[in-house]
PDB file of all heavy atoms in Angstrom:
ATOM      1  N   GLU A   1      54.417  54.038  51.372  1.00  0.00           N
ATOM      2  CA  GLU A   1      55.722  53.414  51.525  1.00  0.00           C
ATOM      3  C   GLU A   1      56.656  53.865  50.409  1.00  0.00           C
ATOM      4  O   GLU A   1      56.266  53.977  49.248  1.00  0.00           O
ATOM      5  CB  GLU A   1      55.574  51.894  51.511  1.00  0.00           C
ATOM      6  CG  GLU A   1      54.765  51.342  52.679  1.00  0.00           C
ATOM      7  CD  GLU A   1      54.690  49.832  52.650  1.00  0.00           C
ATOM      8  OE1 GLU A   1      55.278  49.244  51.717  1.00  0.00           O
ATOM      9  OE2 GLU A   1      54.065  49.256  53.535  1.00  0.00           O
ATOM     10  N   LYS A   2      57.912  54.137  50.769  1.00  0.00           N
ATOM     11  CA  LYS A   2      58.897  54.610  49.807  1.00  0.00           C
ATOM     12  C   LYS A   2      59.535  53.467  49.022  1.00  0.00           C
ATOM     13  O   LYS A   2      60.082  53.680  47.954  1.00  0.00           O
ATOM     14  CB  LYS A   2      59.971  55.418  50.520  1.00  0.00           C
ATOM     15  CG  LYS A   2      59.474  56.757  51.072  1.00  0.00           C
ATOM     16  CD  LYS A   2      59.032  57.678  49.949  1.00  0.00           C
ATOM     17  CE  LYS A   2      58.628  59.037  50.491  1.00  0.00           C
ATOM     18  NZ  LYS A   2      58.197  59.955  49.414  1.00  0.00           N
ATOM     19  N   ASP A   3      59.514  52.264  49.561  1.00  0.00           N
ATOM     20  CA  ASP A   3      60.084  51.137  48.848  1.00  0.00           C
ATOM     21  C   ASP A   3      59.320  49.857  49.182  1.00  0.00           C
ATOM     22  O   ASP A   3      58.699  49.740  50.234  1.00  0.00           O
ATOM     23  CB  ASP A   3      61.577  50.975  49.169  1.00  0.00           C
ATOM     24  CG  ASP A   3      61.858  51.084  50.654  1.00  0.00           C
ATOM     25  OD1 ASP A   3      60.897  51.102  51.446  1.00  0.00           O
ATOM     26  OD2 ASP A   3      63.030  51.146  51.025  1.00  0.00           O
ATOM     27  N   ARG A   4      59.354  48.928  48.254  1.00  0.00           N
ATOM     28  CA  ARG A   4      58.673  47.657  48.406  1.00  0.00           C
ATOM     29  C   ARG A   4      59.599  46.539  47.948  1.00  0.00           C
ATOM     30  O   ARG A   4      60.422  46.723  47.047  1.00  0.00           O
ATOM     31  CB  ARG A   4      57.382  47.626  47.593  1.00  0.00           C
ATOM     32  CG  ARG A   4      56.287  48.575  48.085  1.00  0.00           C
ATOM     33  CD  ARG A   4      55.090  48.507  47.170  1.00  0.00           C
ATOM     34  NE  ARG A   4      55.420  49.026  45.847  1.00  0.00           N
ATOM     35  CZ  ARG A   4      54.760  48.696  44.724  1.00  0.00           C
ATOM     36  NH1 ARG A   4      53.779  47.839  44.780  1.00  0.00           N
ATOM     37  NH2 ARG A   4      55.105  49.237  43.569  1.00  0.00           N
ATOM     38  N   PHE A   5      59.419  45.376  48.555  1.00  0.00           N
ATOM     39  CA  PHE A   5      60.256  44.226  48.225  1.00  0.00           C
ATOM     40  C   PHE A   5      59.369  43.065  47.819  1.00  0.00           C
ATOM     41  O   PHE A   5      58.370  42.774  48.482  1.00  0.00           O
ATOM     42  CB  PHE A   5      61.140  43.845  49.412  1.00  0.00           C
ATOM     43  CG  PHE A   5      61.978  42.616  49.174  1.00  0.00           C
ATOM     44  CD1 PHE A   5      63.077  42.669  48.333  1.00  0.00           C
ATOM     45  CD2 PHE A   5      61.674  41.417  49.795  1.00  0.00           C
ATOM     46  CE1 PHE A   5      63.851  41.551  48.101  1.00  0.00           C
ATOM     47  CE2 PHE A   5      62.444  40.294  49.579  1.00  0.00           C
ATOM     48  CZ  PHE A   5      63.535  40.357  48.732  1.00  0.00           C
ATOM     49  N   GLN A   6      59.723  42.410  46.715  1.00  0.00           N
ATOM     50  CA  GLN A   6      58.988  41.255  46.222  1.00  0.00           C
ATOM     51  C   GLN A   6      59.972  40.144  45.892  1.00  0.00           C
ATOM     52  O   GLN A   6      61.102  40.415  45.462  1.00  0.00           O
ATOM     53  CB  GLN A   6      58.178  41.613  44.963  1.00  0.00           C
ATOM     54  CG  GLN A   6      57.197  42.760  45.154  1.00  0.00           C
ATOM     55  CD  GLN A   6      56.598  43.215  43.836  1.00  0.00           C
ATOM     56  OE1 GLN A   6      57.098  42.889  42.760  1.00  0.00           O
ATOM     57  NE2 GLN A   6      55.507  43.959  43.920  1.00  0.00           N
ATOM     58  N   GLU A   7      59.550  38.912  46.089  1.00  0.00           N
ATOM     59  CA  GLU A   7      60.388  37.775  45.725  1.00  0.00           C
ATOM     60  C   GLU A   7      59.529  36.705  45.074  1.00  0.00           C
ATOM     61  O   GLU A   7      58.338  36.563  45.381  1.00  0.00           O
ATOM     62  CB  GLU A   7      61.129  37.217  46.945  1.00  0.00           C
ATOM     63  CG  GLU A   7      60.261  36.855  48.119  1.00  0.00           C
ATOM     64  CD  GLU A   7      61.078  36.409  49.304  1.00  0.00           C
ATOM     65  OE1 GLU A   7      62.326  36.487  49.262  1.00  0.00           O
ATOM     66  OE2 GLU A   7      60.474  35.955  50.285  1.00  0.00           O
ATOM     67  N   GLU A   8      60.151  35.957  44.180  1.00  0.00           N
ATOM     68  CA  GLU A   8      59.414  34.964  43.400  1.00  0.00           C
ATOM     69  C   GLU A   8      60.343  33.809  43.061  1.00  0.00           C
ATOM     70  O   GLU A   8      61.533  34.007  42.765  1.00  0.00           O
ATOM     71  CB  GLU A   8      58.866  35.605  42.123  1.00  0.00           C
ATOM     72  CG  GLU A   8      58.134  34.651  41.206  1.00  0.00           C
ATOM     73  CD  GLU A   8      57.731  35.317  39.904  1.00  0.00           C
ATOM     74  OE1 GLU A   8      58.359  36.342  39.552  1.00  0.00           O
ATOM     75  OE2 GLU A   8      56.804  34.810  39.242  1.00  0.00           O
ATOM     76  N   LEU A   9      59.816  32.601  43.088  1.00  0.00           N
ATOM     77  CA  LEU A   9      60.566  31.401  42.709  1.00  0.00           C
ATOM     78  C   LEU A   9      59.761  30.636  41.676  1.00  0.00           C
ATOM     79  O   LEU A   9      58.599  30.304  41.900  1.00  0.00           O
ATOM     80  CB  LEU A   9      60.839  30.512  43.921  1.00  0.00           C
ATOM     81  CG  LEU A   9      61.416  29.120  43.628  1.00  0.00           C
ATOM     82  CD1 LEU A   9      62.743  29.227  42.898  1.00  0.00           C
ATOM     83  CD2 LEU A   9      61.563  28.321  44.921  1.00  0.00           C
ATOM     84  N   VAL A  10      60.385  30.398  40.520  1.00  0.00           N
ATOM     85  CA  VAL A  10      59.756  29.627  39.451  1.00  0.00           C
ATOM     86  C   VAL A  10      60.560  28.349  39.250  1.00  0.00           C
ATOM     87  O   VAL A  10      61.772  28.403  39.016  1.00  0.00           O
ATOM     88  CB  VAL A  10      59.701  30.436  38.136  1.00  0.00           C
ATOM     89  CG1 VAL A  10      59.120  29.580  37.014  1.00  0.00           C
ATOM     90  CG2 VAL A  10      58.886  31.704  38.324  1.00  0.00           C
ATOM     91  N   ILE A  11      59.881  27.211  39.344  1.00  0.00           N
ATOM     92  CA  ILE A  11      60.512  25.904  39.133  1.00  0.00           C
ATOM     93  C   ILE A  11      59.863  25.251  37.928  1.00  0.00           C
ATOM     94  O   ILE A  11      58.639  25.133  37.869  1.00  0.00           O
ATOM     95  CB  ILE A  11      60.371  25.011  40.378  1.00  0.00           C
ATOM     96  CG1 ILE A  11      61.042  25.681  41.583  1.00  0.00           C
ATOM     97  CG2 ILE A  11      60.991  23.639  40.119  1.00  0.00           C
ATOM     98  CD1 ILE A  11      60.895  24.895  42.862  1.00  0.00           C
ATOM     99  N   ARG A  12      60.701  24.844  36.972  1.00  0.00           N
ATOM    100  CA  ARG A  12      60.170  24.299  35.728  1.00  0.00           C
ATOM    101  C   ARG A  12      60.927  23.032  35.348  1.00  0.00           C
ATOM    102  O   ARG A  12      62.155  23.048  35.235  1.00  0.00           O
ATOM    103  CB  ARG A  12      60.304  25.331  34.614  1.00  0.00           C
ATOM    104  CG  ARG A  12      59.694  24.896  33.292  1.00  0.00           C
ATOM    105  CD  ARG A  12      59.871  25.992  32.257  1.00  0.00           C
ATOM    106  NE  ARG A  12      61.265  26.154  31.869  1.00  0.00           N
ATOM    107  CZ  ARG A  12      61.715  27.115  31.058  1.00  0.00           C
ATOM    108  NH1 ARG A  12      60.875  28.018  30.596  1.00  0.00           N
ATOM    109  NH2 ARG A  12      62.996  27.190  30.752  1.00  0.00           N
ATOM    110  N   PRO A  13      60.219  21.920  35.148  1.00  0.00           N
ATOM    111  CA  PRO A  13      60.890  20.704  34.667  1.00  0.00           C
ATOM    112  C   PRO A  13      61.228  20.854  33.189  1.00  0.00           C
ATOM    113  O   PRO A  13      60.442  21.414  32.405  1.00  0.00           O
ATOM    114  CB  PRO A  13      59.840  19.613  34.889  1.00  0.00           C
ATOM    115  CG  PRO A  13      58.531  20.322  34.879  1.00  0.00           C
ATOM    116  CD  PRO A  13      58.791  21.699  35.436  1.00  0.00           C
ATOM    117  N   LEU A  14      62.394  20.385  32.792  1.00  0.00           N
ATOM    118  CA  LEU A  14      62.846  20.485  31.411  1.00  0.00           C
ATOM    119  C   LEU A  14      62.696  19.149  30.698  1.00  0.00           C
ATOM    120  O   LEU A  14      62.610  18.084  31.337  1.00  0.00           O
ATOM    121  CB  LEU A  14      64.306  20.949  31.375  1.00  0.00           C
ATOM    122  CG  LEU A  14      64.607  22.273  32.106  1.00  0.00           C
ATOM    123  CD1 LEU A  14      66.098  22.564  32.076  1.00  0.00           C
ATOM    124  CD2 LEU A  14      63.816  23.416  31.494  1.00  0.00           C
ATOM    125  N   HIS A  15      62.676  19.197  29.374  1.00  0.00           N
ATOM    126  CA  HIS A  15      62.484  17.982  28.582  1.00  0.00           C
ATOM    127  C   HIS A  15      63.632  16.989  28.794  1.00  0.00           C
ATOM    128  O   HIS A  15      63.451  15.784  28.625  1.00  0.00           O
ATOM    129  CB  HIS A  15      62.363  18.325  27.099  1.00  0.00           C
ATOM    130  CG  HIS A  15      61.147  19.138  26.770  1.00  0.00           C
ATOM    131  ND1 HIS A  15      59.863  18.666  26.945  1.00  0.00           N
ATOM    132  CD2 HIS A  15      61.016  20.402  26.285  1.00  0.00           C
ATOM    133  CE1 HIS A  15      58.988  19.585  26.568  1.00  0.00           C
ATOM    134  NE2 HIS A  15      59.663  20.661  26.169  1.00  0.00           N
ATOM    135  N   SER A  16      64.807  17.504  29.159  1.00  0.00           N
ATOM    136  CA  SER A  16      65.966  16.640  29.355  1.00  0.00           C
ATOM    137  C   SER A  16      65.900  15.866  30.665  1.00  0.00           C
ATOM    138  O   SER A  16      66.741  15.003  30.908  1.00  0.00           O
ATOM    139  CB  SER A  16      67.247  17.476  29.318  1.00  0.00           C
ATOM    140  OG  SER A  16      67.226  18.457  30.352  1.00  0.00           O
ATOM    141  N   GLY A  17      64.921  16.185  31.520  1.00  0.00           N
ATOM    142  CA  GLY A  17      64.834  15.547  32.825  1.00  0.00           C
ATOM    143  C   GLY A  17      65.459  16.381  33.925  1.00  0.00           C
ATOM    144  O   GLY A  17      65.357  16.037  35.100  1.00  0.00           O
ATOM    145  N   ASP A  18      66.080  17.501  33.554  1.00  0.00           N
ATOM    146  CA  ASP A  18      66.656  18.409  34.537  1.00  0.00           C
ATOM    147  C   ASP A  18      65.561  19.323  35.105  1.00  0.00           C
ATOM    148  O   ASP A  18      64.429  19.357  34.607  1.00  0.00           O
ATOM    149  CB  ASP A  18      67.759  19.257  33.898  1.00  0.00           C
ATOM    150  CG  ASP A  18      68.869  18.406  33.310  1.00  0.00           C
ATOM    151  OD1 ASP A  18      69.299  17.470  33.992  1.00  0.00           O
ATOM    152  OD2 ASP A  18      69.275  18.679  32.164  1.00  0.00           O
ATOM    153  N   THR A  19      65.918  20.068  36.127  1.00  0.00           N
ATOM    154  CA  THR A  19      64.989  20.995  36.766  1.00  0.00           C
ATOM    155  C   THR A  19      65.571  22.396  36.733  1.00  0.00           C
ATOM    156  O   THR A  19      66.719  22.607  37.102  1.00  0.00           O
ATOM    157  CB  THR A  19      64.712  20.590  38.228  1.00  0.00           C
ATOM    158  OG1 THR A  19      64.173  19.270  38.243  1.00  0.00           O
ATOM    159  CG2 THR A  19      63.713  21.550  38.871  1.00  0.00           C
ATOM    160  N   TYR A  20      64.756  23.341  36.284  1.00  0.00           N
ATOM    161  CA  TYR A  20      65.183  24.739  36.183  1.00  0.00           C
ATOM    162  C   TYR A  20      64.532  25.535  37.308  1.00  0.00           C
ATOM    163  O   TYR A  20      63.311  25.467  37.508  1.00  0.00           O
ATOM    164  CB  TYR A  20      64.752  25.294  34.820  1.00  0.00           C
ATOM    165  CG  TYR A  20      65.046  26.754  34.591  1.00  0.00           C
ATOM    166  CD1 TYR A  20      66.290  27.169  34.147  1.00  0.00           C
ATOM    167  CD2 TYR A  20      64.065  27.717  34.798  1.00  0.00           C
ATOM    168  CE1 TYR A  20      66.560  28.504  33.918  1.00  0.00           C
ATOM    169  CE2 TYR A  20      64.323  29.062  34.562  1.00  0.00           C
ATOM    170  CZ  TYR A  20      65.566  29.440  34.125  1.00  0.00           C
ATOM    171  OH  TYR A  20      65.830  30.758  33.899  1.00  0.00           O
ATOM    172  N   ALA A  21      65.341  26.265  38.073  1.00  0.00           N
ATOM    173  CA  ALA A  21      64.837  27.091  39.174  1.00  0.00           C
ATOM    174  C   ALA A  21      65.303  28.521  38.976  1.00  0.00           C
ATOM    175  O   ALA A  21      66.493  28.776  38.773  1.00  0.00           O
ATOM    176  CB  ALA A  21      65.329  26.559  40.514  1.00  0.00           C
ATOM    177  N   SER A  22      64.375  29.461  39.030  1.00  0.00           N
ATOM    178  CA  SER A  22      64.682  30.877  38.857  1.00  0.00           C
ATOM    179  C   SER A  22      64.194  31.644  40.074  1.00  0.00           C
ATOM    180  O   SER A  22      62.996  31.680  40.356  1.00  0.00           O
ATOM    181  CB  SER A  22      64.013  31.418  37.587  1.00  0.00           C
ATOM    182  OG  SER A  22      64.232  32.815  37.460  1.00  0.00           O
ATOM    183  N   PHE A  23      65.145  32.259  40.806  1.00  0.00           N
ATOM    184  CA  PHE A  23      64.834  33.094  41.962  1.00  0.00           C
ATOM    185  C   PHE A  23      64.850  34.553  41.517  1.00  0.00           C
ATOM    186  O   PHE A  23      65.820  35.000  40.908  1.00  0.00           O
ATOM    187  CB  PHE A  23      65.871  32.910  43.076  1.00  0.00           C
ATOM    188  CG  PHE A  23      65.865  31.544  43.713  1.00  0.00           C
ATOM    189  CD1 PHE A  23      66.425  30.452  43.066  1.00  0.00           C
ATOM    190  CD2 PHE A  23      65.309  31.343  44.971  1.00  0.00           C
ATOM    191  CE1 PHE A  23      66.437  29.196  43.649  1.00  0.00           C
ATOM    192  CE2 PHE A  23      65.316  30.099  45.562  1.00  0.00           C
ATOM    193  CZ  PHE A  23      65.872  29.014  44.899  1.00  0.00           C
ATOM    194  N   GLN A  24      63.786  35.301  41.825  1.00  0.00           N
ATOM    195  CA  GLN A  24      63.713  36.705  41.472  1.00  0.00           C
ATOM    196  C   GLN A  24      63.446  37.538  42.728  1.00  0.00           C
ATOM    197  O   GLN A  24      62.503  37.263  43.463  1.00  0.00           O
ATOM    198  CB  GLN A  24      62.598  36.960  40.451  1.00  0.00           C
ATOM    199  CG  GLN A  24      62.807  36.273  39.110  1.00  0.00           C
ATOM    200  CD  GLN A  24      63.908  36.913  38.279  1.00  0.00           C
ATOM    201  OE1 GLN A  24      64.189  38.105  38.423  1.00  0.00           O
ATOM    202  NE2 GLN A  24      64.535  36.134  37.421  1.00  0.00           N
ATOM    203  N   PHE A  25      64.293  38.546  42.938  1.00  0.00           N
ATOM    204  CA  PHE A  25      64.134  39.457  44.075  1.00  0.00           C
ATOM    205  C   PHE A  25      64.068  40.881  43.525  1.00  0.00           C
ATOM    206  O   PHE A  25      64.979  41.314  42.815  1.00  0.00           O
ATOM    207  CB  PHE A  25      65.299  39.329  45.055  1.00  0.00           C
ATOM    208  CG  PHE A  25      65.499  37.928  45.579  1.00  0.00           C
ATOM    209  CD1 PHE A  25      66.358  37.042  44.933  1.00  0.00           C
ATOM    210  CD2 PHE A  25      64.832  37.493  46.709  1.00  0.00           C
ATOM    211  CE1 PHE A  25      66.542  35.758  45.398  1.00  0.00           C
ATOM    212  CE2 PHE A  25      65.010  36.211  47.189  1.00  0.00           C
ATOM    213  CZ  PHE A  25      65.870  35.334  46.537  1.00  0.00           C
ATOM    214  N   ARG A  26      63.003  41.613  43.856  1.00  0.00           N
ATOM    215  CA  ARG A  26      62.811  42.951  43.298  1.00  0.00           C
ATOM    216  C   ARG A  26      62.577  43.958  44.418  1.00  0.00           C
ATOM    217  O   ARG A  26      61.812  43.705  45.342  1.00  0.00           O
ATOM    218  CB  ARG A  26      61.618  42.978  42.340  1.00  0.00           C
ATOM    219  CG  ARG A  26      61.787  42.106  41.108  1.00  0.00           C
ATOM    220  CD  ARG A  26      60.563  42.226  40.212  1.00  0.00           C
ATOM    221  NE  ARG A  26      60.725  41.471  38.969  1.00  0.00           N
ATOM    222  CZ  ARG A  26      60.360  40.212  38.820  1.00  0.00           C
ATOM    223  NH1 ARG A  26      59.788  39.573  39.833  1.00  0.00           N
ATOM    224  NH2 ARG A  26      60.547  39.587  37.673  1.00  0.00           N
ATOM    225  N   THR A  27      63.232  45.102  44.292  1.00  0.00           N
ATOM    226  CA  THR A  27      63.010  46.214  45.205  1.00  0.00           C
ATOM    227  C   THR A  27      62.569  47.423  44.401  1.00  0.00           C
ATOM    228  O   THR A  27      63.288  47.878  43.509  1.00  0.00           O
ATOM    229  CB  THR A  27      64.290  46.561  45.995  1.00  0.00           C
ATOM    230  OG1 THR A  27      64.725  45.412  46.729  1.00  0.00           O
ATOM    231  CG2 THR A  27      64.007  47.695  46.974  1.00  0.00           C
ATOM    232  N   LEU A  28      61.388  47.927  44.688  1.00  0.00           N
ATOM    233  CA  LEU A  28      60.873  49.152  44.068  1.00  0.00           C
ATOM    234  C   LEU A  28      61.086  50.292  45.044  1.00  0.00           C
ATOM    235  O   LEU A  28      60.576  50.256  46.173  1.00  0.00           O
ATOM    236  CB  LEU A  28      59.396  49.005  43.740  1.00  0.00           C
ATOM    237  CG  LEU A  28      59.050  48.019  42.616  1.00  0.00           C
ATOM    238  CD1 LEU A  28      57.546  47.777  42.580  1.00  0.00           C
ATOM    239  CD2 LEU A  28      59.521  48.543  41.271  1.00  0.00           C
ATOM    240  N   TRP A  29      61.829  51.308  44.624  1.00  0.00           N
ATOM    241  CA  TRP A  29      62.168  52.411  45.519  1.00  0.00           C
ATOM    242  C   TRP A  29      61.725  53.728  44.914  1.00  0.00           C
ATOM    243  O   TRP A  29      62.107  54.082  43.809  1.00  0.00           O
ATOM    244  CB  TRP A  29      63.680  52.422  45.764  1.00  0.00           C
ATOM    245  CG  TRP A  29      64.100  53.345  46.866  1.00  0.00           C
ATOM    246  CD1 TRP A  29      63.323  53.939  47.800  1.00  0.00           C
ATOM    247  CD2 TRP A  29      65.441  53.772  47.136  1.00  0.00           C
ATOM    248  NE1 TRP A  29      64.085  54.714  48.648  1.00  0.00           N
ATOM    249  CE2 TRP A  29      65.378  54.618  48.258  1.00  0.00           C
ATOM    250  CE3 TRP A  29      66.658  53.508  46.541  1.00  0.00           C
ATOM    251  CZ2 TRP A  29      66.519  55.213  48.795  1.00  0.00           C
ATOM    252  CZ3 TRP A  29      67.794  54.096  47.076  1.00  0.00           C
ATOM    253  CH2 TRP A  29      67.714  54.939  48.194  1.00  0.00           C
ATOM    254  N   ASP A  30      60.918  54.458  45.628  1.00  0.00           N
ATOM    255  CA  ASP A  30      60.391  55.739  45.160  1.00  0.00           C
ATOM    256  C   ASP A  30      61.361  56.855  45.524  1.00  0.00           C
ATOM    257  O   ASP A  30      61.238  57.506  46.561  1.00  0.00           O
ATOM    258  CB  ASP A  30      59.017  55.997  45.792  1.00  0.00           C
ATOM    259  CG  ASP A  30      58.372  57.265  45.229  1.00  0.00           C
ATOM    260  OD1 ASP A  30      58.931  57.836  44.278  1.00  0.00           O
ATOM    261  OD2 ASP A  30      57.324  57.680  45.750  1.00  0.00           O
ATOM    262  N   THR A  31      62.339  57.057  44.657  1.00  0.00           N
ATOM    263  CA  THR A  31      63.320  58.127  44.852  1.00  0.00           C
ATOM    264  C   THR A  31      63.817  58.560  43.485  1.00  0.00           C
ATOM    265  O   THR A  31      63.463  57.964  42.473  1.00  0.00           O
ATOM    266  CB  THR A  31      64.489  57.654  45.730  1.00  0.00           C
ATOM    267  OG1 THR A  31      65.328  58.768  46.053  1.00  0.00           O
ATOM    268  CG2 THR A  31      65.320  56.595  45.027  1.00  0.00           C
ATOM    269  N   ASP A  32      64.619  59.587  43.440  1.00  0.00           N
ATOM    270  CA  ASP A  32      65.080  60.122  42.165  1.00  0.00           C
ATOM    271  C   ASP A  32      66.556  60.479  42.250  1.00  0.00           C
ATOM    272  O   ASP A  32      66.932  61.510  42.783  1.00  0.00           O
ATOM    273  CB  ASP A  32      64.264  61.351  41.772  1.00  0.00           C
ATOM    274  CG  ASP A  32      64.516  61.766  40.328  1.00  0.00           C
ATOM    275  OD1 ASP A  32      65.408  61.183  39.696  1.00  0.00           O
ATOM    276  OD2 ASP A  32      63.818  62.661  39.844  1.00  0.00           O
ATOM    277  N   PHE A  33      67.397  59.580  41.720  1.00  0.00           N
ATOM    278  CA  PHE A  33      68.824  59.844  41.682  1.00  0.00           C
ATOM    279  C   PHE A  33      69.193  60.777  40.540  1.00  0.00           C
ATOM    280  O   PHE A  33      70.204  61.462  40.585  1.00  0.00           O
ATOM    281  CB  PHE A  33      69.595  58.524  41.503  1.00  0.00           C
ATOM    282  CG  PHE A  33      69.683  57.694  42.745  1.00  0.00           C
ATOM    283  CD1 PHE A  33      68.907  56.562  42.886  1.00  0.00           C
ATOM    284  CD2 PHE A  33      70.541  58.039  43.777  1.00  0.00           C
ATOM    285  CE1 PHE A  33      68.992  55.784  44.020  1.00  0.00           C
ATOM    286  CE2 PHE A  33      70.637  57.269  44.909  1.00  0.00           C
ATOM    287  CZ  PHE A  33      69.856  56.141  45.035  1.00  0.00           C
ATOM    288  N   LEU A  34      68.388  60.796  39.486  1.00  0.00           N
ATOM    289  CA  LEU A  34      68.755  61.531  38.278  1.00  0.00           C
ATOM    290  C   LEU A  34      68.764  63.033  38.479  1.00  0.00           C
ATOM    291  O   LEU A  34      69.362  63.762  37.705  1.00  0.00           O
ATOM    292  CB  LEU A  34      67.795  61.161  37.143  1.00  0.00           C
ATOM    293  CG  LEU A  34      67.759  59.678  36.763  1.00  0.00           C
ATOM    294  CD1 LEU A  34      66.835  59.465  35.578  1.00  0.00           C
ATOM    295  CD2 LEU A  34      69.163  59.160  36.440  1.00  0.00           C
ATOM    296  N   ARG A  35      68.086  63.503  39.502  1.00  0.00           N
ATOM    297  CA  ARG A  35      68.065  64.947  39.754  1.00  0.00           C
ATOM    298  C   ARG A  35      69.181  65.402  40.689  1.00  0.00           C
ATOM    299  O   ARG A  35      69.215  66.533  41.124  1.00  0.00           O
ATOM    300  CB  ARG A  35      66.709  65.347  40.344  1.00  0.00           C
ATOM    301  CG  ARG A  35      65.551  65.168  39.378  1.00  0.00           C
ATOM    302  CD  ARG A  35      64.253  65.652  39.996  1.00  0.00           C
ATOM    303  NE  ARG A  35      63.122  65.502  39.075  1.00  0.00           N
ATOM    304  CZ  ARG A  35      61.883  65.832  39.367  1.00  0.00           C
ATOM    305  NH1 ARG A  35      61.592  66.349  40.567  1.00  0.00           N
ATOM    306  NH2 ARG A  35      60.920  65.656  38.487  1.00  0.00           N
ATOM    307  N   GLY A  36      70.058  64.474  41.031  1.00  0.00           N
ATOM    308  CA  GLY A  36      71.167  64.829  41.893  1.00  0.00           C
ATOM    309  C   GLY A  36      70.820  64.920  43.360  1.00  0.00           C
ATOM    310  O   GLY A  36      71.574  65.489  44.150  1.00  0.00           O
ATOM    311  N   ASN A  37      69.655  64.396  43.753  1.00  0.00           N
ATOM    312  CA  ASN A  37      69.271  64.429  45.160  1.00  0.00           C
ATOM    313  C   ASN A  37      70.165  63.506  45.977  1.00  0.00           C
ATOM    314  O   ASN A  37      70.416  62.365  45.591  1.00  0.00           O
ATOM    315  CB  ASN A  37      67.809  64.001  45.321  1.00  0.00           C
ATOM    316  CG  ASN A  37      66.860  64.952  44.609  1.00  0.00           C
ATOM    317  OD1 ASN A  37      67.204  66.106  44.389  1.00  0.00           O
ATOM    318  ND2 ASN A  37      65.686  64.465  44.252  1.00  0.00           N
ATOM    319  N   LYS A  38      70.629  63.977  47.093  1.00  0.00           N
ATOM    320  CA  LYS A  38      71.474  63.178  47.962  1.00  0.00           C
ATOM    321  C   LYS A  38      70.609  62.338  48.885  1.00  0.00           C
ATOM    322  O   LYS A  38      69.834  62.871  49.675  1.00  0.00           O
ATOM    323  CB  LYS A  38      72.406  64.078  48.791  1.00  0.00           C
ATOM    324  CG  LYS A  38      73.387  63.282  49.635  1.00  0.00           C
ATOM    325  CD  LYS A  38      74.334  64.211  50.383  1.00  0.00           C
ATOM    326  CE  LYS A  38      75.326  63.410  51.210  1.00  0.00           C
ATOM    327  NZ  LYS A  38      76.256  64.305  51.957  1.00  0.00           N
ATOM    328  N   VAL A  39      70.717  61.024  48.749  1.00  0.00           N
ATOM    329  CA  VAL A  39      69.925  60.103  49.554  1.00  0.00           C
ATOM    330  C   VAL A  39      70.746  59.687  50.767  1.00  0.00           C
ATOM    331  O   VAL A  39      71.875  59.221  50.634  1.00  0.00           O
ATOM    332  CB  VAL A  39      69.520  58.865  48.732  1.00  0.00           C
ATOM    333  CG1 VAL A  39      68.700  57.909  49.586  1.00  0.00           C
ATOM    334  CG2 VAL A  39      68.740  59.288  47.497  1.00  0.00           C
TER     335      VAL A  39
END
């Protein structure tokens, strides 16, 4: 596969009583822009 997609959600209670939520979305793409290749 040339690219992969991952997602993650972290929920953390804080000492103040609030709730912290972090959404992470990652795309890994096997290509090379630095060589000037036209995608």
